[in-house]
Amino acid sequence: MAQKTRSKVPEEELSAEQMKRRLDALDQRLDAIDTMVTTLAERMLKRPLSVTITCPNCGRIIEIAMVGNE
């Protein structure tokens, strides 16, 4: 798993260009999340969707199934 790194520069000392780069990166991440959610919603409307997740704490298997009509 990738480690999160923090900038050693306090937030108050960020230049306008650094802040713009960070906001652009956040915007790209939000766009990617929006694309994934939209794709899942479209898939759910076309055919059944099933997601299986294992709980990291107790090890229980959880299955989530969604069915929809387009």
Protein backbone atom coordinates (compact mmCIF):
# COMPACT_ATOMS: atom_id res chain seq x y z
CA MET A 1 0.00 0.00 0.00
CA ALA A 2 1.31 3.46 -0.84
CA GLN A 3 2.36 5.60 2.06
CA LYS A 4 0.87 9.05 2.43
CA THR A 5 3.48 11.77 2.52
CA ARG A 6 2.88 15.17 3.99
CA SER A 7 4.51 18.35 2.84
CA LYS A 8 6.90 19.80 5.39
CA VAL A 9 5.79 23.32 4.43
CA PRO A 10 2.95 24.66 6.60
CA GLU A 11 -0.29 25.24 4.68
CA GLU A 12 -0.04 29.02 5.21
CA GLU A 13 3.24 29.15 3.30
CA LEU A 14 2.01 27.49 0.11
CA SER A 15 2.38 29.61 -2.98
CA ALA A 16 -0.57 30.29 -5.26
CA GLU A 17 0.93 27.94 -7.88
CA GLN A 18 1.27 25.08 -5.36
CA MET A 19 -2.31 25.60 -4.21
CA LYS A 20 -3.50 25.59 -7.84
CA ARG A 21 -1.65 22.30 -8.49
CA ARG A 22 -3.22 20.71 -5.41
CA LEU A 23 -6.70 21.87 -6.38
CA ASP A 24 -6.19 20.54 -9.92
CA ALA A 25 -5.11 17.16 -8.52
CA LEU A 26 -8.19 17.08 -6.26
CA ASP A 27 -10.39 17.97 -9.23
CA GLN A 28 -8.92 15.09 -11.25
CA ARG A 29 -9.54 12.66 -8.38
CA LEU A 30 -13.15 13.81 -8.02
CA ASP A 31 -13.66 13.42 -11.77
CA ALA A 32 -12.31 9.86 -11.59
CA ILE A 33 -14.66 9.01 -8.70
CA ASP A 34 -17.59 10.52 -10.62
CA THR A 35 -16.73 8.39 -13.66
CA MET A 36 -16.58 5.20 -11.59
CA VAL A 37 -19.90 5.88 -9.84
CA THR A 38 -21.60 6.72 -13.15
CA THR A 39 -20.28 3.54 -14.76
CA LEU A 40 -21.52 1.42 -11.85
CA ALA A 41 -24.95 3.08 -11.95
CA GLU A 42 -25.25 2.48 -15.70
CA ARG A 43 -24.18 -1.14 -15.29
CA MET A 44 -26.68 -1.65 -12.48
CA LEU A 45 -29.49 -0.42 -14.72
CA LYS A 46 -28.53 -2.86 -17.48
CA ARG A 47 -27.97 -6.11 -15.55
CA PRO A 48 -27.57 -7.47 -12.03
CA LEU A 49 -24.45 -6.43 -10.14
CA SER A 50 -22.94 -8.32 -7.22
CA VAL A 51 -20.08 -7.12 -5.01
CA THR A 52 -18.41 -9.38 -2.44
CA ILE A 53 -16.38 -7.76 0.35
CA THR A 54 -14.45 -9.35 3.21
CA CYS A 55 -14.50 -7.37 6.46
CA PRO A 56 -10.91 -6.58 7.48
CA ASN A 57 -11.83 -6.68 11.20
CA CYS A 58 -13.88 -9.85 11.61
CA GLY A 59 -13.23 -11.67 8.32
CA ARG A 60 -16.94 -11.97 7.53
CA ILE A 61 -17.89 -12.08 3.87
CA ILE A 62 -20.48 -9.50 2.86
CA GLU A 63 -22.27 -9.74 -0.49
CA ILE A 64 -24.15 -6.78 -1.91
CA ALA A 65 -26.41 -7.49 -4.89
CA MET A 66 -28.28 -4.87 -6.91
CA VAL A 67 -30.87 -5.44 -9.61
CA GLY A 68 -32.43 -2.73 -11.75
CA ASN A 69 -34.38 -2.15 -14.97
CA GLU A 70 -33.22 0.33 -17.55
